N, C-alpha and C. Protein backbone atom coordinates (compact mmCIF):
# COMPACT_ATOMS: atom_id res chain seq x y z
N UNK A 1 36.52 -58.00 57.10
CA UNK A 1 37.33 -58.04 55.91
C UNK A 1 37.03 -59.30 55.12
N UNK A 2 36.82 -59.14 53.83
CA UNK A 2 36.46 -60.26 52.98
C UNK A 2 37.71 -60.89 52.38
N UNK A 3 37.77 -62.24 52.38
CA UNK A 3 38.91 -62.94 51.81
C UNK A 3 38.80 -63.00 50.30
N UNK A 4 39.96 -63.08 49.65
CA UNK A 4 39.97 -63.29 48.21
C UNK A 4 39.80 -64.77 47.96
N UNK A 5 38.91 -65.13 47.04
CA UNK A 5 38.61 -66.53 46.76
C UNK A 5 39.56 -67.09 45.72
N UNK A 6 39.94 -68.35 45.90
CA UNK A 6 40.76 -69.03 44.90
C UNK A 6 39.83 -69.50 43.79
N UNK A 7 40.16 -69.13 42.57
CA UNK A 7 39.30 -69.42 41.42
C UNK A 7 40.02 -70.39 40.50
N UNK A 8 39.31 -71.39 40.01
CA UNK A 8 39.90 -72.49 39.24
C UNK A 8 40.09 -72.20 37.76
N UNK A 9 39.76 -71.00 37.30
CA UNK A 9 39.95 -70.64 35.89
C UNK A 9 40.78 -69.37 35.79
N UNK A 10 41.34 -69.13 34.61
CA UNK A 10 42.15 -67.94 34.36
C UNK A 10 41.56 -67.18 33.17
N UNK A 11 42.01 -65.95 32.99
CA UNK A 11 41.56 -65.14 31.87
C UNK A 11 42.00 -65.80 30.57
N UNK A 12 41.08 -65.92 29.62
CA UNK A 12 41.37 -66.54 28.34
C UNK A 12 40.96 -68.00 28.26
N UNK A 13 40.60 -68.62 29.39
CA UNK A 13 40.15 -70.02 29.40
C UNK A 13 38.77 -70.14 28.78
N UNK A 14 38.50 -71.28 28.16
CA UNK A 14 37.18 -71.59 27.62
C UNK A 14 36.41 -72.34 28.70
N UNK A 15 35.24 -71.82 29.09
CA UNK A 15 34.45 -72.42 30.16
C UNK A 15 33.04 -72.72 29.68
N UNK A 16 32.38 -73.64 30.39
CA UNK A 16 30.99 -73.99 30.11
C UNK A 16 30.18 -73.75 31.36
N UNK A 17 29.01 -73.10 31.21
CA UNK A 17 28.12 -72.84 32.35
C UNK A 17 27.40 -74.14 32.69
N UNK A 18 27.43 -74.52 33.99
CA UNK A 18 26.85 -75.81 34.39
C UNK A 18 25.53 -75.67 35.15
N UNK A 19 25.14 -74.45 35.52
CA UNK A 19 23.86 -74.29 36.20
C UNK A 19 23.29 -72.90 35.92
N UNK A 20 21.99 -72.78 36.11
CA UNK A 20 21.33 -71.50 35.91
C UNK A 20 20.66 -71.40 34.55
N UNK A 21 20.22 -70.20 34.23
CA UNK A 21 19.48 -69.94 33.00
C UNK A 21 20.32 -70.19 31.75
N UNK A 22 21.62 -69.97 31.83
CA UNK A 22 22.52 -70.09 30.68
C UNK A 22 23.27 -71.42 30.69
N UNK A 23 22.65 -72.47 31.20
CA UNK A 23 23.26 -73.80 31.29
C UNK A 23 23.67 -74.30 29.91
N UNK A 24 24.84 -74.95 29.83
CA UNK A 24 25.43 -75.55 28.63
C UNK A 24 25.95 -74.55 27.61
N UNK A 25 25.97 -73.27 27.92
CA UNK A 25 26.57 -72.29 27.02
C UNK A 25 28.06 -72.18 27.31
N UNK A 26 28.86 -71.95 26.27
CA UNK A 26 30.30 -71.84 26.45
C UNK A 26 30.77 -70.46 26.04
N UNK A 27 31.89 -70.04 26.62
CA UNK A 27 32.47 -68.75 26.29
C UNK A 27 33.84 -68.60 26.91
N UNK A 28 34.50 -67.53 26.54
CA UNK A 28 35.86 -67.25 27.01
C UNK A 28 35.80 -66.30 28.20
N UNK A 29 36.64 -66.54 29.21
CA UNK A 29 36.69 -65.68 30.39
C UNK A 29 37.39 -64.38 30.02
N UNK A 30 36.68 -63.24 30.23
CA UNK A 30 37.23 -61.93 29.91
C UNK A 30 37.81 -61.25 31.13
N UNK A 31 37.16 -61.41 32.28
CA UNK A 31 37.56 -60.68 33.48
C UNK A 31 37.24 -61.53 34.71
N UNK A 32 38.07 -61.43 35.75
CA UNK A 32 37.86 -62.17 36.99
C UNK A 32 37.89 -61.18 38.16
N UNK A 33 36.90 -61.31 39.05
CA UNK A 33 36.89 -60.52 40.29
C UNK A 33 37.12 -61.48 41.44
N UNK A 34 38.34 -61.47 42.00
CA UNK A 34 38.66 -62.41 43.08
C UNK A 34 37.94 -62.05 44.37
N UNK A 35 37.61 -60.78 44.54
CA UNK A 35 36.94 -60.35 45.77
C UNK A 35 35.52 -60.92 45.85
N UNK A 36 34.79 -60.88 44.74
CA UNK A 36 33.41 -61.38 44.73
C UNK A 36 33.32 -62.81 44.22
N UNK A 37 34.37 -63.31 43.57
CA UNK A 37 34.36 -64.67 43.04
C UNK A 37 33.55 -64.81 41.76
N UNK A 38 33.43 -63.74 41.01
CA UNK A 38 32.62 -63.77 39.79
C UNK A 38 33.47 -63.60 38.54
N UNK A 39 32.96 -64.14 37.42
CA UNK A 39 33.64 -64.11 36.14
C UNK A 39 32.78 -63.39 35.11
N UNK A 40 33.44 -62.73 34.18
CA UNK A 40 32.76 -62.13 33.04
C UNK A 40 33.08 -62.99 31.83
N UNK A 41 32.06 -63.60 31.23
CA UNK A 41 32.25 -64.55 30.15
C UNK A 41 31.70 -63.97 28.85
N UNK A 42 32.49 -64.08 27.80
CA UNK A 42 32.13 -63.51 26.50
C UNK A 42 30.93 -64.24 25.90
N UNK A 43 29.86 -63.49 25.59
CA UNK A 43 28.68 -64.05 24.93
C UNK A 43 27.69 -64.75 25.83
N UNK A 44 27.84 -64.64 27.15
CA UNK A 44 26.96 -65.33 28.09
C UNK A 44 26.41 -64.32 29.11
N UNK A 45 25.14 -64.48 29.50
CA UNK A 45 24.49 -63.69 30.55
C UNK A 45 24.40 -62.21 30.20
N UNK A 46 23.69 -61.90 29.12
CA UNK A 46 23.50 -60.51 28.71
C UNK A 46 22.41 -59.84 29.54
N UNK A 47 22.65 -58.60 29.93
CA UNK A 47 21.67 -57.77 30.62
C UNK A 47 21.51 -56.49 29.80
N UNK A 48 20.35 -55.86 29.92
CA UNK A 48 20.07 -54.63 29.18
C UNK A 48 20.12 -53.44 30.11
N UNK A 49 20.80 -52.37 29.66
CA UNK A 49 20.86 -51.13 30.43
C UNK A 49 20.22 -50.02 29.61
N UNK A 50 19.20 -49.40 30.17
CA UNK A 50 18.50 -48.31 29.50
C UNK A 50 19.17 -47.00 29.87
N UNK A 51 19.66 -46.27 28.84
CA UNK A 51 20.40 -45.03 29.06
C UNK A 51 19.54 -43.86 28.61
N UNK A 52 19.31 -42.92 29.52
CA UNK A 52 18.53 -41.73 29.20
C UNK A 52 19.43 -40.70 28.52
N UNK A 53 18.86 -39.89 27.64
CA UNK A 53 19.67 -38.82 27.02
C UNK A 53 19.98 -37.72 28.04
N UNK A 54 21.22 -37.23 28.03
CA UNK A 54 21.61 -36.16 28.95
C UNK A 54 21.31 -34.78 28.39
N UNK A 55 21.52 -34.59 27.10
CA UNK A 55 21.26 -33.31 26.45
C UNK A 55 20.04 -33.43 25.55
N UNK A 56 19.55 -32.30 25.07
CA UNK A 56 18.38 -32.33 24.20
C UNK A 56 18.68 -32.95 22.84
N UNK A 57 19.93 -32.81 22.36
CA UNK A 57 20.26 -33.34 21.04
C UNK A 57 20.74 -34.80 21.08
N UNK A 58 20.81 -35.40 22.26
CA UNK A 58 21.20 -36.81 22.37
C UNK A 58 19.98 -37.70 22.26
N UNK A 59 20.23 -38.97 21.94
CA UNK A 59 19.16 -39.96 21.83
C UNK A 59 19.35 -41.01 22.91
N UNK A 60 18.26 -41.41 23.55
CA UNK A 60 18.33 -42.49 24.51
C UNK A 60 18.58 -43.81 23.81
N UNK A 61 19.19 -44.76 24.54
CA UNK A 61 19.49 -46.05 23.91
C UNK A 61 19.41 -47.18 24.92
N UNK A 62 19.40 -48.39 24.40
CA UNK A 62 19.41 -49.59 25.23
C UNK A 62 20.73 -50.30 24.94
N UNK A 63 21.58 -50.41 25.96
CA UNK A 63 22.87 -51.08 25.80
C UNK A 63 22.76 -52.51 26.31
N UNK A 64 23.43 -53.41 25.61
CA UNK A 64 23.44 -54.81 25.99
C UNK A 64 24.82 -55.11 26.59
N UNK A 65 24.85 -55.48 27.89
CA UNK A 65 26.09 -55.71 28.61
C UNK A 65 26.14 -57.15 29.12
N UNK A 66 27.36 -57.69 29.24
CA UNK A 66 27.54 -59.02 29.82
C UNK A 66 27.65 -58.87 31.34
N UNK A 67 26.86 -59.64 32.07
CA UNK A 67 26.86 -59.58 33.53
C UNK A 67 27.72 -60.73 34.06
N UNK A 68 28.32 -60.55 35.25
CA UNK A 68 29.18 -61.61 35.80
C UNK A 68 28.41 -62.82 36.31
N UNK A 69 29.09 -63.97 36.31
CA UNK A 69 28.55 -65.24 36.81
C UNK A 69 29.50 -65.76 37.88
N UNK A 70 28.97 -66.38 38.93
CA UNK A 70 29.81 -66.92 40.00
C UNK A 70 30.65 -68.08 39.48
N UNK A 71 31.89 -68.16 39.98
CA UNK A 71 32.83 -69.16 39.46
C UNK A 71 32.41 -70.60 39.75
N UNK A 72 31.54 -70.82 40.72
CA UNK A 72 31.09 -72.18 41.02
C UNK A 72 30.07 -72.68 39.99
N UNK A 73 29.56 -71.80 39.14
CA UNK A 73 28.58 -72.19 38.13
C UNK A 73 29.20 -72.47 36.78
N UNK A 74 30.53 -72.52 36.70
CA UNK A 74 31.20 -72.82 35.43
C UNK A 74 32.22 -73.94 35.62
N UNK A 75 32.52 -74.61 34.50
CA UNK A 75 33.59 -75.61 34.52
C UNK A 75 34.50 -75.36 33.32
N UNK A 76 35.74 -75.76 33.46
CA UNK A 76 36.74 -75.59 32.43
C UNK A 76 36.49 -76.61 31.33
N UNK A 77 36.55 -76.17 30.06
CA UNK A 77 36.40 -77.09 28.93
C UNK A 77 37.68 -77.09 28.11
N UNK A 78 37.84 -78.11 27.31
CA UNK A 78 39.02 -78.21 26.45
C UNK A 78 38.85 -77.33 25.24
N UNK A 79 39.97 -76.77 24.74
CA UNK A 79 39.91 -75.88 23.58
C UNK A 79 39.84 -76.65 22.30
């Protein structure tokens, strides 16, 4: 059984990424997963998802989604 991690930020807080590819970028916390210890931050860590068309009259597309970042890679900033 996995423990829920205590996370130092809350939804709506302004945070700054302190390590990784998106270092020094800031954004607002949109979602928190206590089970995995990851945060979803607005405007940071975009990933692309390629969607195939299901029907003949649909068009395939590329969606841009925000991927979660571990809470140890962010710090709280002042608003």
